[in-house]
Amino acid sequence: MIDRPCPVTIATPMIRALFGRLNFHKLASLVVYQISIDR
């Protein structure tokens, strides 16, 4: 086990926030796309 936190662990929340925002927009557009196809 490493005592000090690695840079990845520190950067993970920011990366998650970024990808979370991107994925949210991607999922929303996909849902809208599916709904428009189903109609």
N, C-alpha and C. Protein backbone atom coordinates (compact mmCIF):
# COMPACT_ATOMS: atom_id res chain seq x y z
N MET A 1 0.85 -1.21 0.00
CA MET A 1 0.00 0.00 0.00
C MET A 1 0.88 1.26 0.00
N ILE A 2 0.52 2.22 -0.82
CA ILE A 2 1.26 3.47 -0.89
C ILE A 2 0.60 4.48 0.05
N ASP A 3 1.42 5.15 0.87
CA ASP A 3 0.88 6.09 1.84
C ASP A 3 0.34 7.34 1.17
N ARG A 4 1.18 7.96 0.34
CA ARG A 4 0.78 9.24 -0.27
C ARG A 4 -0.24 8.99 -1.38
N PRO A 5 -1.22 9.87 -1.54
CA PRO A 5 -2.21 9.73 -2.61
C PRO A 5 -1.57 9.98 -3.97
N CYS A 6 -1.86 9.15 -4.92
CA CYS A 6 -1.29 9.33 -6.25
C CYS A 6 -2.07 10.41 -7.00
N PRO A 7 -1.45 11.05 -7.98
CA PRO A 7 -2.11 12.14 -8.72
C PRO A 7 -3.44 11.71 -9.33
N VAL A 8 -3.53 10.45 -9.75
CA VAL A 8 -4.77 9.97 -10.36
C VAL A 8 -5.92 10.08 -9.36
N THR A 9 -5.65 9.69 -8.11
CA THR A 9 -6.69 9.75 -7.08
C THR A 9 -7.14 11.19 -6.85
N ILE A 10 -6.19 12.12 -6.93
CA ILE A 10 -6.53 13.53 -6.72
C ILE A 10 -7.32 14.06 -7.91
N ALA A 11 -6.95 13.64 -9.13
CA ALA A 11 -7.57 14.18 -10.33
C ALA A 11 -8.89 13.50 -10.65
N THR A 12 -9.13 12.33 -10.05
CA THR A 12 -10.32 11.55 -10.40
C THR A 12 -11.63 12.34 -10.24
N PRO A 13 -11.85 13.05 -9.11
CA PRO A 13 -13.11 13.79 -8.96
C PRO A 13 -13.33 14.80 -10.08
N MET A 14 -12.28 15.52 -10.47
CA MET A 14 -12.43 16.50 -11.55
C MET A 14 -12.75 15.80 -12.86
N ILE A 15 -12.04 14.69 -13.12
CA ILE A 15 -12.29 13.94 -14.35
C ILE A 15 -13.71 13.40 -14.34
N ARG A 16 -14.14 12.89 -13.19
CA ARG A 16 -15.50 12.37 -13.08
C ARG A 16 -16.51 13.47 -13.33
N ALA A 17 -16.25 14.66 -12.80
CA ALA A 17 -17.17 15.77 -13.02
C ALA A 17 -17.25 16.11 -14.51
N LEU A 18 -16.08 16.17 -15.15
CA LEU A 18 -16.05 16.47 -16.59
C LEU A 18 -16.80 15.42 -17.39
N PHE A 19 -16.43 14.15 -17.18
CA PHE A 19 -17.05 13.08 -17.96
C PHE A 19 -18.52 12.93 -17.58
N GLY A 20 -18.85 13.19 -16.31
CA GLY A 20 -20.24 13.12 -15.90
C GLY A 20 -21.08 14.12 -16.67
N ARG A 21 -20.54 15.34 -16.82
CA ARG A 21 -21.25 16.38 -17.57
C ARG A 21 -21.39 15.95 -19.03
N LEU A 22 -20.28 15.48 -19.62
CA LEU A 22 -20.30 15.05 -21.02
C LEU A 22 -21.27 13.90 -21.21
N ASN A 23 -21.17 12.90 -20.33
CA ASN A 23 -22.04 11.73 -20.47
C ASN A 23 -23.50 12.10 -20.27
N PHE A 24 -23.77 13.06 -19.38
CA PHE A 24 -25.15 13.49 -19.17
C PHE A 24 -25.71 14.08 -20.45
N HIS A 25 -24.95 14.96 -21.09
CA HIS A 25 -25.41 15.55 -22.35
C HIS A 25 -25.56 14.47 -23.42
N LYS A 26 -24.62 13.52 -23.45
CA LYS A 26 -24.67 12.46 -24.45
C LYS A 26 -25.91 11.59 -24.22
N LEU A 27 -26.16 11.24 -22.95
CA LEU A 27 -27.33 10.42 -22.64
C LEU A 27 -28.62 11.17 -22.97
N ALA A 28 -28.66 12.45 -22.62
CA ALA A 28 -29.86 13.24 -22.90
C ALA A 28 -30.14 13.29 -24.40
N SER A 29 -29.09 13.53 -25.20
CA SER A 29 -29.28 13.59 -26.64
C SER A 29 -29.70 12.23 -27.18
N LEU A 30 -29.14 11.15 -26.61
CA LEU A 30 -29.53 9.80 -27.03
C LEU A 30 -30.99 9.54 -26.73
N VAL A 31 -31.44 9.94 -25.53
CA VAL A 31 -32.84 9.73 -25.16
C VAL A 31 -33.75 10.50 -26.10
N VAL A 32 -33.42 11.76 -26.36
CA VAL A 32 -34.23 12.56 -27.29
C VAL A 32 -34.24 11.92 -28.66
N TYR A 33 -33.07 11.40 -29.08
CA TYR A 33 -32.95 10.75 -30.38
C TYR A 33 -33.87 9.52 -30.44
N GLN A 34 -33.84 8.70 -29.40
CA GLN A 34 -34.68 7.51 -29.36
C GLN A 34 -36.16 7.88 -29.38
N ILE A 35 -36.54 8.90 -28.60
CA ILE A 35 -37.94 9.31 -28.54
C ILE A 35 -38.39 9.80 -29.91
N SER A 36 -37.55 10.58 -30.57
CA SER A 36 -37.93 11.11 -31.89
C SER A 36 -38.03 9.97 -32.90
N ILE A 37 -37.23 8.92 -32.74
CA ILE A 37 -37.32 7.76 -33.64
C ILE A 37 -38.60 6.98 -33.37
N ASP A 38 -38.91 6.78 -32.08
CA ASP A 38 -40.09 5.99 -31.73
C ASP A 38 -41.36 6.66 -32.23
N ARG A 39 -41.38 7.98 -32.29
CA ARG A 39 -42.55 8.67 -32.82
C ARG A 39 -42.45 8.66 -34.32
